[in-house]
Amino acid sequence: MLLQRFLIRLLTMLITLFGVAVVVFVVIRVAPGDPIAMMLPPGATDADIARLRALYGL
């Protein structure tokens, strides 16, 4: 009985963790804009953007 309850809770936890990971992935993928452009001030040049992309390996 105790093992069965443990396995059910473990399975529930894994399904929940997978669901949260999928939701976070989808939210990040559909978020508008360029993350690098968001990190820089509005007057940033293309050279600044390229330098930051190179710094992060993007």
C-alpha atoms as a PDB file:
ATOM      1  CA  MET A   1       0.000   0.000   0.000  1.00  0.00           C
ATOM      2  CA  LEU A   2       2.753   2.420   0.905  1.00  0.00           C
ATOM      3  CA  LEU A   3       4.775   1.539  -2.196  1.00  0.00           C
ATOM      4  CA  GLN A   4       1.734   2.034  -4.416  1.00  0.00           C
ATOM      5  CA  ARG A   5       1.091   5.488  -2.940  1.00  0.00           C
ATOM      6  CA  PHE A   6       4.756   6.388  -3.398  1.00  0.00           C
ATOM      7  CA  LEU A   7       4.726   5.302  -7.050  1.00  0.00           C
ATOM      8  CA  ILE A   8       1.553   7.262  -7.763  1.00  0.00           C
ATOM      9  CA  ARG A   9       3.025  10.398  -6.190  1.00  0.00           C
ATOM     10  CA  LEU A  10       6.277   9.899  -8.095  1.00  0.00           C
ATOM     11  CA  LEU A  11       4.429   9.521 -11.393  1.00  0.00           C
ATOM     12  CA  THR A  12       2.318  12.595 -10.637  1.00  0.00           C
ATOM     13  CA  MET A  13       5.446  14.588  -9.826  1.00  0.00           C
ATOM     14  CA  LEU A  14       7.151  13.552 -13.064  1.00  0.00           C
ATOM     15  CA  ILE A  15       4.104  14.430 -15.162  1.00  0.00           C
ATOM     16  CA  THR A  16       3.828  17.807 -13.435  1.00  0.00           C
ATOM     17  CA  LEU A  17       7.518  18.528 -13.922  1.00  0.00           C
ATOM     18  CA  PHE A  18       7.280  17.633 -17.604  1.00  0.00           C
ATOM     19  CA  GLY A  19       4.213  19.847 -18.010  1.00  0.00           C
ATOM     20  CA  VAL A  20       5.909  22.815 -16.359  1.00  0.00           C
ATOM     21  CA  ALA A  21       8.996  22.352 -18.548  1.00  0.00           C
ATOM     22  CA  VAL A  22       6.846  22.303 -21.696  1.00  0.00           C
ATOM     23  CA  VAL A  23       4.938  25.429 -20.650  1.00  0.00           C
ATOM     24  CA  VAL A  24       8.143  27.332 -19.855  1.00  0.00           C
ATOM     25  CA  PHE A  25       9.694  26.261 -23.161  1.00  0.00           C
ATOM     26  CA  VAL A  26       6.654  27.389 -25.151  1.00  0.00           C
ATOM     27  CA  VAL A  27       6.414  30.726 -23.336  1.00  0.00           C
ATOM     28  CA  ILE A  28      10.085  31.465 -23.984  1.00  0.00           C
ATOM     29  CA  ARG A  29       9.839  30.456 -27.655  1.00  0.00           C
ATOM     30  CA  VAL A  30       6.769  32.582 -28.427  1.00  0.00           C
ATOM     31  CA  ALA A  31       7.903  35.659 -26.503  1.00  0.00           C
ATOM     32  CA  PRO A  32       8.279  38.558 -28.924  1.00  0.00           C
ATOM     33  CA  GLY A  33      11.534  40.362 -29.509  1.00  0.00           C
ATOM     34  CA  ASP A  34      15.208  39.592 -29.483  1.00  0.00           C
ATOM     35  CA  PRO A  35      16.634  38.853 -26.016  1.00  0.00           C
ATOM     36  CA  ILE A  36      19.924  40.526 -26.926  1.00  0.00           C
ATOM     37  CA  ALA A  37      18.147  43.681 -28.089  1.00  0.00           C
ATOM     38  CA  MET A  38      16.209  43.739 -24.805  1.00  0.00           C
ATOM     39  CA  MET A  39      19.457  43.695 -22.802  1.00  0.00           C
ATOM     40  CA  LEU A  40      20.886  46.755 -24.546  1.00  0.00           C
ATOM     41  CA  PRO A  41      19.729  50.370 -24.305  1.00  0.00           C
ATOM     42  CA  PRO A  42      17.445  51.682 -27.076  1.00  0.00           C
ATOM     43  CA  GLY A  43      20.257  53.551 -28.871  1.00  0.00           C
ATOM     44  CA  ALA A  44      22.519  50.509 -29.272  1.00  0.00           C
ATOM     45  CA  THR A  45      24.273  50.120 -32.602  1.00  0.00           C
ATOM     46  CA  ASP A  46      24.449  46.996 -34.740  1.00  0.00           C
ATOM     47  CA  ALA A  47      28.071  46.620 -33.639  1.00  0.00           C
ATOM     48  CA  ASP A  48      26.981  46.563 -29.976  1.00  0.00           C
ATOM     49  CA  ILE A  49      24.397  43.889 -30.728  1.00  0.00           C
ATOM     50  CA  ALA A  50      26.936  41.804 -32.671  1.00  0.00           C
ATOM     51  CA  ARG A  51      29.480  42.106 -29.842  1.00  0.00           C
ATOM     52  CA  LEU A  52      26.965  40.961 -27.235  1.00  0.00           C
ATOM     53  CA  ARG A  53      25.859  38.049 -29.441  1.00  0.00           C
ATOM     54  CA  ALA A  54      29.498  37.000 -29.822  1.00  0.00           C
ATOM     55  CA  LEU A  55      30.005  37.303 -26.071  1.00  0.00           C
ATOM     56  CA  TYR A  56      27.105  34.921 -25.386  1.00  0.00           C
ATOM     57  CA  GLY A  57      27.888  32.675 -28.343  1.00  0.00           C
ATOM     58  CA  LEU A  58      24.602  33.280 -30.127  1.00  0.00           C
END
